[in-house]
Amino acid sequence: MPPRLKSPGEAELLDIKTPSLRHLYHDWQERRRGREFPSRSDFDVLDLGYIIGNLSLLDVFFQPLRFRFRLHASRVTERVGYEMTGKDLDILPARDSRETVWRHFVDVINRRVPIVQVRERQISDDRILPCEVLALPLARDGSTIDMLMSGLVWL
């Protein structure tokens, strides 16, 4: 019997630790409705109350590839002490965090699947906290990734 084909992101997401990120992933899967990716308009903010303060939306631009925060998670903003809404990822203050986030988002774009990571996030010069981050691709046309939805939960 040939191996069963996995849906996008299934292999990467078997070990989502936090319930709210598992819920977000299932919501993302449900909203695909036969398409490769759901679009931002498939999500009603009222349905995302369980994750809303931990949710960021990023516009994806190509040539050159870059990411701009359309919305930076309010709980992340409170914890890290700076607001990224309306700003490009490449000005994220902590260089190590910026490079880690960049690689995570580029991996989602290149592999065309949701990807979860557990990593450390620099909060200040002397404070680092562990977090789990789920990045999910979105596409207005169901195929061309034009946005990322990123949920971050502190561990």
Protein backbone atom coordinates (compact mmCIF):
# COMPACT_ATOMS: atom_id res chain seq x y z
CA MET A 1 0.00 0.00 0.00
CA PRO A 2 1.48 3.43 -0.92
CA PRO A 3 2.07 5.90 1.91
CA ARG A 4 -0.80 8.25 2.71
CA LEU A 5 -0.20 11.79 1.43
CA LYS A 6 -0.09 14.34 4.21
CA SER A 7 -1.99 17.58 4.11
CA PRO A 8 0.16 20.75 4.05
CA GLY A 9 2.03 21.11 7.31
CA GLU A 10 0.80 17.90 8.91
CA ALA A 11 4.24 16.41 9.55
CA GLU A 12 5.60 19.65 11.00
CA LEU A 13 2.67 20.12 13.35
CA LEU A 14 2.39 16.83 15.15
CA ASP A 15 4.02 18.33 18.22
CA ILE A 16 2.24 21.66 18.82
CA LYS A 17 2.51 22.04 22.57
CA THR A 18 0.03 24.80 23.37
CA PRO A 19 -3.73 24.25 23.03
CA SER A 20 -4.39 27.70 21.55
CA LEU A 21 -1.88 27.12 18.72
CA ARG A 22 -3.35 23.66 18.05
CA HIS A 23 -6.77 25.33 17.87
CA LEU A 24 -5.39 27.96 15.45
CA TYR A 25 -3.90 25.27 13.23
CA HIS A 26 -7.23 23.39 13.13
CA ASP A 27 -9.06 26.63 12.31
CA TRP A 28 -6.58 27.23 9.48
CA GLN A 29 -7.12 23.69 8.14
CA GLU A 30 -10.91 24.04 8.32
CA ARG A 31 -10.87 27.32 6.40
CA ARG A 32 -8.82 25.91 3.51
CA ARG A 33 -11.98 24.31 2.06
CA GLY A 34 -10.14 22.35 -0.63
CA ARG A 35 -7.68 25.15 -1.42
CA GLU A 36 -3.98 25.01 -0.72
CA PHE A 37 -4.27 27.98 1.68
CA PRO A 38 -7.10 29.98 3.22
CA SER A 39 -7.16 33.77 2.87
CA ARG A 40 -7.20 36.40 5.59
CA SER A 41 -10.87 37.07 4.78
CA ASP A 42 -11.73 33.49 5.76
CA PHE A 43 -11.08 34.39 9.41
CA ASP A 44 -13.50 36.45 11.49
CA VAL A 45 -11.77 38.25 14.35
CA LEU A 46 -14.68 37.25 16.62
CA ASP A 47 -13.79 33.58 16.07
CA LEU A 48 -10.17 34.18 17.10
CA GLY A 49 -10.79 35.46 20.63
CA TYR A 50 -8.82 32.55 22.10
CA ILE A 51 -5.59 33.74 20.39
CA ILE A 52 -6.15 37.36 19.29
CA GLY A 53 -3.66 39.04 21.67
CA ASN A 54 -1.00 36.57 20.58
CA LEU A 55 -1.66 36.83 16.86
CA SER A 56 0.33 38.79 14.27
CA LEU A 57 -0.48 39.27 10.60
CA LEU A 58 2.31 39.96 8.14
CA ASP A 59 2.10 41.03 4.52
CA VAL A 60 4.50 39.14 2.26
CA PHE A 61 6.26 41.06 -0.52
CA PHE A 62 8.46 39.55 -3.21
CA GLN A 63 11.39 40.87 -5.27
CA PRO A 64 12.97 41.27 -2.81
CA LEU A 65 11.30 39.02 -0.25
CA ARG A 66 10.27 40.96 2.83
CA PHE A 67 7.67 40.86 5.59
CA ARG A 68 5.71 43.79 7.04
CA PHE A 69 3.65 43.54 10.19
CA ARG A 70 0.07 44.47 9.34
CA LEU A 71 -0.73 43.71 12.98
CA HIS A 72 1.73 42.97 15.78
CA ALA A 73 0.31 40.83 18.61
CA SER A 74 -0.66 43.10 21.53
CA ARG A 75 0.57 40.64 24.20
CA VAL A 76 3.91 40.34 22.42
CA THR A 77 4.13 44.15 22.19
CA GLU A 78 3.49 44.42 25.94
CA ARG A 79 6.09 41.80 26.76
CA VAL A 80 8.89 42.97 24.45
CA GLY A 81 8.26 46.69 24.89
CA TYR A 82 8.04 47.78 21.24
CA GLU A 83 5.36 47.91 18.58
CA MET A 84 5.97 46.49 15.11
CA THR A 85 2.57 47.19 13.46
CA GLY A 86 3.20 48.83 10.08
CA LYS A 87 6.94 48.07 10.21
CA ASP A 88 9.12 45.68 8.26
CA LEU A 89 10.58 42.64 10.01
CA ASP A 90 14.09 43.78 9.11
CA ILE A 91 13.94 46.56 11.74
CA LEU A 92 13.12 44.19 14.61
CA PRO A 93 15.48 45.50 17.36
CA ALA A 94 17.03 42.21 18.54
CA ARG A 95 19.28 40.94 15.73
CA ASP A 96 19.25 37.28 16.86
CA SER A 97 15.45 37.27 17.12
CA ARG A 98 15.16 39.02 13.75
CA GLU A 99 17.30 36.37 12.04
CA THR A 100 15.42 33.50 13.71
CA VAL A 101 12.01 34.93 12.76
CA TRP A 102 13.23 35.67 9.22
CA ARG A 103 14.40 32.06 8.72
CA HIS A 104 11.11 30.73 10.14
CA PHE A 105 8.99 32.84 7.78
CA VAL A 106 11.18 32.14 4.74
CA ASP A 107 10.92 28.43 5.49
CA VAL A 108 7.10 28.70 5.48
CA ILE A 109 7.22 30.51 2.12
CA ASN A 110 9.70 28.07 0.54
CA ARG A 111 8.12 24.86 1.84
CA ARG A 112 4.55 26.17 1.48
CA VAL A 113 3.42 24.67 4.78
CA PRO A 114 2.64 25.89 8.30
CA ILE A 115 5.62 25.48 10.61
CA VAL A 116 5.78 25.53 14.39
CA GLN A 117 8.92 26.32 16.38
CA VAL A 118 9.81 26.39 20.03
CA ARG A 119 12.46 29.02 20.56
CA GLU A 120 13.72 31.68 22.90
CA ARG A 121 12.65 35.27 22.40
CA GLN A 122 14.79 38.13 23.62
CA ILE A 123 12.65 40.41 25.77
CA SER A 124 15.36 42.84 26.85
CA ASP A 125 19.14 42.99 26.90
CA ASP A 126 19.25 40.60 29.85
CA ARG A 127 15.95 38.69 29.58
CA ILE A 128 15.09 35.78 27.29
CA LEU A 129 11.86 33.77 27.47
CA PRO A 130 10.86 30.54 25.72
CA CYS A 131 7.90 30.62 23.37
CA GLU A 132 6.13 28.51 20.79
CA VAL A 133 5.41 30.12 17.42
CA LEU A 134 3.14 28.83 14.66
CA ALA A 135 3.40 30.54 11.25
CA LEU A 136 0.61 29.84 8.77
CA PRO A 137 0.55 30.85 5.08
CA LEU A 138 -2.46 32.72 3.71
CA ALA A 139 -3.36 33.45 0.07
CA ARG A 140 -6.14 35.60 -1.39
CA ASP A 141 -6.27 33.35 -4.46
CA GLY A 142 -5.83 30.12 -2.47
CA SER A 143 -2.33 29.51 -3.87
CA THR A 144 -0.07 32.60 -3.98
CA ILE A 145 1.14 33.28 -0.43
CA ASP A 146 0.60 36.98 0.27
CA MET A 147 0.28 36.98 4.05
CA LEU A 148 1.40 35.05 7.11
CA MET A 149 -0.56 34.55 10.30
CA SER A 150 1.73 34.02 13.26
CA GLY A 151 0.65 32.92 16.72
CA LEU A 152 3.14 33.25 19.58
CA VAL A 153 2.53 31.78 23.04
CA TRP A 154 4.95 32.16 25.95
CA LEU A 155 5.91 28.85 27.58
